[in-house]
Amino acid sequence: MTQLQQDQLIDKIKRRVRLSQKEGEALYDLDLYTLGALADAIRTEKYGKKSYFNINRHLNPTNICADICKFCAYSASRKNPNPYTMSHEEMLQIASRAVNKGAKEIHIVSAHNPDAGLEWYMGAFRKIKEAHPQLHVKAMTAAEVDFLHREYGLSYDEVLDLMIENGVDSMPGGGAEIFDEKVREYLCKGKVSSTQWLEIHRKWHERGRESNATMLFGHVETRAHRIDHMLRLRDLQDKTGGFNAFIPLVYQKENNFLKVVHYPTAHEILKTYAIARIVLDNIPHIKAYWATSTIGLALIAQEYGCDDLDGTIEREAIQSAAGAASSHGLQLDEFVGLIKNAGFVPVERDSVYNELKVW
């Protein structure tokens, strides 16, 4: 890219002109600090120095999975020969302990367990909601919705309606991985397709509900695949407005069957965060999910377009199984202190980004 082309691209960003696929790819040719400054200007315009987080508890109730994804270290397999499935009572105890510690959200993501039964999934949400009606239940990725559709012969509409009837408030963004079909076939053949993932979230949004969107990057995808992924999300957001956050998830390389030689550097990760903020002009929040990026890099990412860190988590099994240092979460006072020390204002939020407390 010539200097003139760079200047023209930067001018477009400053004028908030929407970028194309080619222009999105060209952003990677800008130096890191230029990208950071451009993304930070957008972030500051929207949120000033606020960095959002919530007090939440991640709950992963089973690791027995009917689908096989090369990047997964969580599901029971040769790499992780310790299958488990929690009972409703165990899940309810975990939720109750989290509420007693101040949690406002329980984030429930499971493997696709063909032995557990439909009521195991829906009954868990219902019992937790009945016991703690004030607790926000974020549950069921689009991949899980698709699994229940396939396993029990239900339409997507029927699964989504059951979720709402049983207390699910919002959907996490998992299962998106990378939308490119060839990459997806290599990573997770047989799992929810990109078209199906987008359709499920569209239907959820049409019910007046919100969700997150994710992108797993740093494995076998190209930069062009990342931009394509973002633009598909941007297109759906134009139609529904239902995504409240975009979460670029950094691939974790341990204990799985995906042989990745070139793991992304901090430089590449920060560029991708910044580009997400620039390209996704219609998704309000960009989350640096510290469980995949490390808390240190997630805090630096607050200067590269991100305005959210997820939350205290308390427990986490999926990313930590692949090497992330997130299995025991972070204490609230430590979390708040880290945000302040990074020069930002910690803002506790609820699951749909209403501000609850400025620390």
Protein backbone atom coordinates (compact mmCIF):
# COMPACT_ATOMS: atom_id res chain seq x y z
CA MET A 1 0.00 0.00 0.00
CA THR A 2 1.42 3.37 -1.03
CA GLN A 3 1.63 6.32 1.34
CA LEU A 4 -1.18 8.00 -0.58
CA GLN A 5 -3.40 4.93 -0.18
CA GLN A 6 -2.59 4.80 3.53
CA ASP A 7 -3.49 8.47 3.91
CA GLN A 8 -6.76 7.95 2.05
CA LEU A 9 -7.63 4.96 4.23
CA ILE A 10 -6.83 6.85 7.44
CA ASP A 11 -8.93 9.77 6.22
CA LYS A 12 -11.88 7.43 5.63
CA ILE A 13 -11.59 6.08 9.16
CA LYS A 14 -11.44 9.55 10.67
CA ARG A 15 -14.54 10.54 8.71
CA ARG A 16 -16.25 7.32 9.91
CA VAL A 17 -16.77 6.04 6.38
CA ARG A 18 -17.66 2.34 6.36
CA LEU A 19 -14.86 0.10 5.09
CA SER A 20 -15.00 -2.71 2.52
CA GLN A 21 -13.39 -6.16 2.63
CA LYS A 22 -10.28 -4.95 0.80
CA GLU A 23 -9.99 -1.85 2.97
CA GLY A 24 -10.39 -3.98 6.08
CA GLU A 25 -7.56 -6.23 4.94
CA ALA A 26 -5.42 -3.16 4.19
CA LEU A 27 -5.75 -2.03 7.81
CA TYR A 28 -3.25 -4.73 8.75
CA ASP A 29 -0.65 -2.88 6.64
CA LEU A 30 -0.86 0.16 8.95
CA ASP A 31 1.61 0.22 11.82
CA LEU A 32 0.36 -0.82 15.23
CA TYR A 33 0.47 2.62 16.83
CA THR A 34 -1.43 4.27 13.98
CA LEU A 35 -4.11 1.58 14.22
CA GLY A 36 -4.20 1.93 17.98
CA ALA A 37 -4.66 5.70 17.81
CA LEU A 38 -7.48 5.39 15.26
CA ALA A 39 -9.30 2.71 17.27
CA ASP A 40 -8.75 4.52 20.56
CA ALA A 41 -10.27 7.70 19.12
CA ILE A 42 -13.47 5.75 18.31
CA ARG A 43 -13.47 4.08 21.73
CA THR A 44 -12.89 7.39 23.54
CA GLU A 45 -15.65 9.07 21.56
CA LYS A 46 -18.06 6.38 22.72
CA TYR A 47 -16.95 5.64 26.28
CA GLY A 48 -14.17 7.99 27.39
CA LYS A 49 -11.88 6.10 29.81
CA LYS A 50 -14.52 3.64 31.01
CA SER A 51 -13.65 -0.05 31.03
CA TYR A 52 -16.62 -2.32 31.56
CA PHE A 53 -16.80 -5.58 33.48
CA ASN A 54 -19.39 -7.65 35.27
CA ILE A 55 -19.41 -9.91 38.30
CA ASN A 56 -20.13 -13.25 36.75
CA ARG A 57 -19.68 -16.97 37.13
CA HIS A 58 -18.86 -19.22 34.21
CA LEU A 59 -20.42 -22.68 34.45
CA ASN A 60 -19.49 -25.53 32.11
CA PRO A 61 -21.74 -28.43 33.18
CA THR A 62 -20.57 -31.22 30.87
CA ASN A 63 -17.60 -32.02 28.65
CA ILE A 64 -19.15 -34.98 26.81
CA CYS A 65 -19.60 -33.88 23.20
CA ALA A 66 -21.11 -35.39 20.06
CA ASP A 67 -19.14 -32.99 17.85
CA ILE A 68 -15.40 -33.07 17.24
CA CYS A 69 -13.54 -29.79 16.83
CA LYS A 70 -9.80 -29.87 16.21
CA PHE A 71 -9.15 -26.79 18.35
CA CYS A 72 -11.08 -28.01 21.42
CA ALA A 73 -9.23 -29.16 24.55
CA TYR A 74 -12.32 -29.17 26.73
CA SER A 75 -14.46 -32.02 25.45
CA ALA A 76 -13.73 -35.53 26.71
CA SER A 77 -11.35 -37.20 24.26
CA ARG A 78 -7.92 -38.83 24.06
CA LYS A 79 -6.47 -35.46 25.08
CA ASN A 80 -8.87 -35.10 28.03
CA PRO A 81 -10.05 -38.56 29.17
CA ASN A 82 -12.11 -37.30 32.12
CA PRO A 83 -15.77 -37.12 31.11
CA TYR A 84 -18.27 -35.49 33.48
CA THR A 85 -21.86 -34.29 33.57
CA MET A 86 -23.18 -32.23 36.48
CA SER A 87 -26.59 -32.80 38.01
CA HIS A 88 -29.14 -30.01 38.32
CA GLU A 89 -28.46 -29.94 42.05
CA GLU A 90 -24.74 -29.40 41.49
CA MET A 91 -25.41 -26.61 39.02
CA LEU A 92 -27.88 -24.94 41.36
CA GLN A 93 -25.40 -25.09 44.25
CA ILE A 94 -22.75 -23.41 42.09
CA ALA A 95 -25.18 -20.70 41.02
CA SER A 96 -26.28 -20.08 44.62
CA ARG A 97 -22.69 -19.77 45.84
CA ALA A 98 -21.96 -17.32 43.03
CA VAL A 99 -25.00 -15.19 43.91
CA ASN A 100 -23.87 -15.11 47.55
CA LYS A 101 -20.53 -13.74 46.32
CA GLY A 102 -22.26 -10.97 44.37
CA ALA A 103 -22.57 -12.49 40.88
CA LYS A 104 -25.14 -10.83 38.65
CA GLU A 105 -24.72 -13.24 35.73
CA ILE A 106 -24.26 -16.95 35.27
CA HIS A 107 -22.71 -17.85 31.92
CA ILE A 108 -23.59 -21.45 31.02
CA VAL A 109 -21.89 -23.14 28.08
CA SER A 110 -21.79 -26.92 27.70
CA ALA A 111 -20.50 -29.51 25.32
CA HIS A 112 -23.04 -31.20 23.05
CA ASN A 113 -23.94 -34.13 25.27
CA PRO A 114 -26.11 -36.70 23.42
CA ASP A 115 -26.81 -38.64 26.63
CA ALA A 116 -28.03 -35.86 28.91
CA GLY A 117 -31.47 -35.21 27.40
CA LEU A 118 -33.34 -32.04 26.49
CA GLU A 119 -34.69 -31.59 30.02
CA TRP A 120 -31.14 -31.67 31.43
CA TYR A 121 -30.39 -28.50 29.47
CA MET A 122 -33.70 -26.67 29.91
CA GLY A 123 -34.33 -27.84 33.47
CA ALA A 124 -31.00 -26.41 34.60
CA PHE A 125 -31.89 -22.95 33.33
CA ARG A 126 -35.38 -23.14 34.83
CA LYS A 127 -34.25 -24.25 38.27
CA ILE A 128 -31.52 -21.62 38.49
CA LYS A 129 -33.94 -18.89 37.39
CA GLU A 130 -36.64 -20.03 39.82
CA ALA A 131 -34.16 -20.00 42.70
CA HIS A 132 -32.55 -16.68 41.68
CA PRO A 133 -34.95 -14.65 39.52
CA GLN A 134 -32.64 -11.60 39.67
CA LEU A 135 -29.71 -13.57 38.20
CA HIS A 136 -29.11 -13.00 34.48
CA VAL A 137 -28.87 -16.37 32.73
CA LYS A 138 -26.62 -16.20 29.68
CA ALA A 139 -26.70 -19.63 28.09
CA MET A 140 -26.72 -21.75 24.94
CA THR A 141 -24.40 -20.89 22.09
CA ALA A 142 -25.76 -21.15 18.56
CA ALA A 143 -23.75 -24.38 18.29
CA GLU A 144 -25.70 -25.82 21.23
CA VAL A 145 -29.00 -24.64 19.72
CA ASP A 146 -28.08 -26.39 16.47
CA PHE A 147 -27.11 -29.55 18.37
CA LEU A 148 -30.48 -29.71 20.16
CA HIS A 149 -32.22 -29.07 16.83
CA ARG A 150 -30.36 -32.03 15.26
CA GLU A 151 -30.56 -34.33 18.27
CA TYR A 152 -34.26 -33.89 19.12
CA GLY A 153 -35.83 -32.94 15.78
CA LEU A 154 -36.83 -29.46 16.92
CA SER A 155 -36.78 -26.36 14.75
CA TYR A 156 -34.51 -23.48 15.72
CA ASP A 157 -37.61 -21.51 16.64
CA GLU A 158 -38.77 -24.25 18.99
CA VAL A 159 -35.39 -24.47 20.73
CA LEU A 160 -35.17 -20.68 21.15
CA ASP A 161 -38.70 -20.49 22.50
CA LEU A 162 -37.92 -23.26 25.00
CA MET A 163 -34.87 -21.32 26.14
CA ILE A 164 -36.95 -18.22 26.83
CA GLU A 165 -39.68 -20.24 28.56
CA ASN A 166 -37.06 -21.78 30.84
CA GLY A 167 -35.34 -18.57 31.89
CA VAL A 168 -32.53 -17.82 29.42
CA ASP A 169 -32.06 -14.05 29.18
CA SER A 170 -29.30 -13.69 26.56
CA MET A 171 -27.08 -15.84 24.37
CA PRO A 172 -23.28 -16.02 24.39
CA GLY A 173 -21.48 -15.77 21.08
CA GLY A 174 -19.61 -19.06 21.07
CA GLY A 175 -19.50 -21.46 18.14
CA ALA A 176 -18.84 -18.76 15.56
CA GLU A 177 -15.14 -19.71 15.23
CA ILE A 178 -14.36 -18.47 11.67
CA PHE A 179 -17.23 -18.13 9.20
CA ASP A 180 -15.27 -19.10 6.07
CA GLU A 181 -16.75 -22.46 5.06
CA LYS A 182 -13.49 -24.14 4.00
CA VAL A 183 -11.74 -23.18 7.23
CA ARG A 184 -14.81 -24.23 9.17
CA GLU A 185 -14.89 -27.63 7.49
CA TYR A 186 -11.30 -28.20 8.57
CA LEU A 187 -11.80 -26.92 12.14
CA CYS A 188 -15.21 -28.28 13.09
CA LYS A 189 -16.86 -30.28 10.32
CA GLY A 190 -20.45 -31.25 11.19
CA LYS A 191 -20.91 -28.48 13.73
CA VAL A 192 -23.27 -25.54 13.14
CA SER A 193 -22.47 -23.84 9.81
CA SER A 194 -21.76 -20.13 9.46
CA THR A 195 -25.13 -19.58 7.77
CA GLN A 196 -26.92 -21.46 10.55
CA TRP A 197 -25.03 -19.57 13.28
CA LEU A 198 -26.12 -16.26 11.80
CA GLU A 199 -29.70 -17.49 11.30
CA ILE A 200 -29.98 -18.58 14.95
CA HIS A 201 -28.76 -15.21 16.21
CA ARG A 202 -31.09 -13.42 13.79
CA LYS A 203 -34.04 -15.36 15.17
CA TRP A 204 -32.93 -14.64 18.75
CA HIS A 205 -32.66 -10.92 18.04
CA GLU A 206 -36.11 -10.94 16.38
CA ARG A 207 -37.45 -12.14 19.73
CA GLY A 208 -36.19 -8.91 21.28
CA ARG A 209 -33.21 -10.61 22.92
CA GLU A 210 -29.52 -9.68 22.81
CA SER A 211 -26.42 -11.76 22.24
CA ASN A 212 -22.65 -11.58 21.88
CA ALA A 213 -20.67 -12.45 18.77
CA THR A 214 -17.25 -14.11 18.81
CA MET A 215 -14.41 -14.89 16.41
CA LEU A 216 -11.74 -17.49 17.17
CA PHE A 217 -8.50 -16.32 15.57
CA GLY A 218 -4.82 -17.14 15.57
CA HIS A 219 -4.95 -20.69 14.19
CA VAL A 220 -5.19 -21.56 10.44
CA GLU A 221 -7.27 -18.60 9.24
CA THR A 222 -5.94 -15.69 7.20
CA ARG A 223 -6.37 -12.01 7.88
CA ALA A 224 -8.85 -11.90 5.00
CA HIS A 225 -10.94 -14.56 6.76
CA ARG A 226 -11.07 -12.38 9.89
CA ILE A 227 -12.31 -9.36 7.95
CA ASP A 228 -14.91 -11.49 6.12
CA HIS A 229 -16.10 -12.77 9.52
CA MET A 230 -16.48 -9.23 10.88
CA LEU A 231 -18.34 -8.02 7.80
CA ARG A 232 -20.87 -10.87 8.02
CA LEU A 233 -21.56 -9.83 11.62
CA ARG A 234 -21.80 -6.19 10.58
CA ASP A 235 -24.35 -7.10 7.91
CA LEU A 236 -26.56 -8.98 10.37
CA GLN A 237 -26.23 -6.19 12.94
CA ASP A 238 -27.52 -3.74 10.32
CA LYS A 239 -30.68 -5.84 10.13
CA THR A 240 -31.27 -6.72 13.80
CA GLY A 241 -29.16 -4.53 16.09
CA GLY A 242 -29.08 -7.42 18.56
CA PHE A 243 -25.33 -7.88 19.15
CA ASN A 244 -24.17 -5.96 22.21
CA ALA A 245 -20.51 -6.98 22.01
CA PHE A 246 -17.93 -8.51 19.70
CA ILE A 247 -15.36 -10.78 21.32
CA PRO A 248 -12.23 -11.74 19.37
CA LEU A 249 -11.11 -14.95 21.09
CA VAL A 250 -7.41 -15.76 20.92
CA TYR A 251 -6.86 -19.43 20.03
CA GLN A 252 -5.35 -21.49 22.87
CA LYS A 253 -2.79 -23.96 21.58
CA GLU A 254 -2.39 -26.68 24.23
CA ASN A 255 -4.03 -30.13 24.48
CA ASN A 256 -5.85 -30.18 21.16
CA PHE A 257 -5.51 -31.70 17.68
CA LEU A 258 -4.90 -28.51 15.72
CA LYS A 259 -1.25 -28.28 14.77
CA VAL A 260 -0.57 -24.53 14.72
CA VAL A 261 3.04 -23.54 14.00
CA HIS A 262 2.72 -19.75 13.95
CA TYR A 263 0.90 -18.60 17.08
CA PRO A 264 -0.21 -14.93 16.99
CA THR A 265 2.05 -12.38 18.63
CA ALA A 266 0.77 -9.69 20.99
CA HIS A 267 1.36 -7.29 18.08
CA GLU A 268 -1.02 -9.28 15.83
CA ILE A 269 -3.61 -9.66 18.58
CA LEU A 270 -3.67 -5.93 19.32
CA LYS A 271 -3.95 -5.12 15.62
CA THR A 272 -6.95 -7.43 15.35
CA TYR A 273 -8.66 -5.81 18.35
CA ALA A 274 -8.10 -2.34 16.87
CA ILE A 275 -9.34 -3.39 13.44
CA ALA A 276 -12.47 -4.87 14.99
CA ARG A 277 -13.27 -1.52 16.60
CA ILE A 278 -12.76 0.29 13.28
CA VAL A 279 -14.65 -2.17 11.05
CA LEU A 280 -17.56 -2.98 13.37
CA ASP A 281 -19.08 0.48 13.45
CA ASN A 282 -22.51 -0.81 14.50
CA ILE A 283 -21.63 -3.20 17.36
CA PRO A 284 -21.38 -1.12 20.55
CA HIS A 285 -18.71 -2.92 22.57
CA ILE A 286 -15.44 -4.71 21.77
CA LYS A 287 -14.43 -7.13 24.49
CA ALA A 288 -10.86 -8.17 25.21
CA TYR A 289 -11.78 -11.46 26.89
CA TRP A 290 -8.92 -11.77 29.35
CA ALA A 291 -9.34 -15.53 29.68
CA THR A 292 -7.92 -15.98 26.17
CA SER A 293 -5.60 -12.98 25.86
CA THR A 294 -4.22 -12.81 29.46
CA ILE A 295 -5.28 -10.02 31.78
CA GLY A 296 -2.15 -7.98 30.95
CA LEU A 297 -2.78 -7.89 27.22
CA ALA A 298 -6.52 -7.34 27.75
CA LEU A 299 -5.70 -4.20 29.76
CA ILE A 300 -3.36 -2.95 27.02
CA ALA A 301 -6.16 -3.67 24.54
CA GLN A 302 -8.25 -1.01 26.29
CA GLU A 303 -5.95 1.45 24.50
CA TYR A 304 -6.50 -0.32 21.16
CA GLY A 305 -10.26 0.01 20.78
CA CYS A 306 -11.56 -2.40 23.42
CA ASP A 307 -13.79 -1.13 26.21
CA ASP A 308 -14.71 -4.36 28.01
CA LEU A 309 -12.82 -7.14 29.82
CA ASP A 310 -15.66 -9.62 30.51
CA GLY A 311 -15.73 -10.21 34.26
CA THR A 312 -14.45 -11.88 37.38
CA ILE A 313 -15.48 -15.31 35.94
CA GLU A 314 -14.76 -17.19 39.24
CA ARG A 315 -14.38 -20.53 37.43
CA GLU A 316 -13.72 -21.37 33.79
CA ALA A 317 -13.05 -24.75 32.19
CA ILE A 318 -13.05 -24.39 28.39
CA GLN A 319 -10.16 -21.98 27.73
CA SER A 320 -8.12 -23.17 30.71
CA ALA A 321 -8.22 -26.74 29.36
CA ALA A 322 -6.23 -25.43 26.38
CA GLY A 323 -3.66 -23.55 28.45
CA ALA A 324 -5.33 -20.26 29.48
CA ALA A 325 -4.70 -19.05 33.05
CA SER A 326 -8.38 -18.53 33.77
CA SER A 327 -9.50 -21.59 35.74
CA HIS A 328 -10.06 -19.68 39.00
CA GLY A 329 -11.06 -16.25 37.67
CA LEU A 330 -10.01 -13.03 39.42
CA GLN A 331 -11.05 -11.51 42.73
CA LEU A 332 -13.19 -8.38 42.42
CA ASP A 333 -10.79 -6.07 44.30
CA GLU A 334 -7.86 -7.31 42.21
CA PHE A 335 -9.84 -6.85 39.00
CA VAL A 336 -10.85 -3.29 39.88
CA GLY A 337 -7.29 -2.46 40.97
CA LEU A 338 -5.81 -3.69 37.71
CA ILE A 339 -8.19 -1.53 35.66
CA LYS A 340 -7.40 1.55 37.74
CA ASN A 341 -3.65 0.94 37.54
CA ALA A 342 -3.96 0.75 33.75
CA GLY A 343 -5.38 4.28 33.74
CA PHE A 344 -9.04 3.43 33.14
CA VAL A 345 -12.25 3.86 35.10
CA PRO A 346 -13.72 0.50 36.20
CA VAL A 347 -17.46 0.39 35.46
CA GLU A 348 -19.46 -2.57 36.68
CA ARG A 349 -22.24 -3.37 34.20
CA ASP A 350 -25.05 -5.83 33.88
CA SER A 351 -25.14 -8.40 31.08
CA VAL A 352 -26.66 -5.99 28.55
CA TYR A 353 -24.37 -3.06 29.43
CA ASN A 354 -26.49 -1.02 31.80
CA GLU A 355 -24.04 0.69 34.16
CA LEU A 356 -24.43 -0.47 37.76
CA LYS A 357 -21.50 1.09 39.59
CA VAL A 358 -18.49 3.26 38.79
CA TRP A 359 -15.60 2.11 40.96
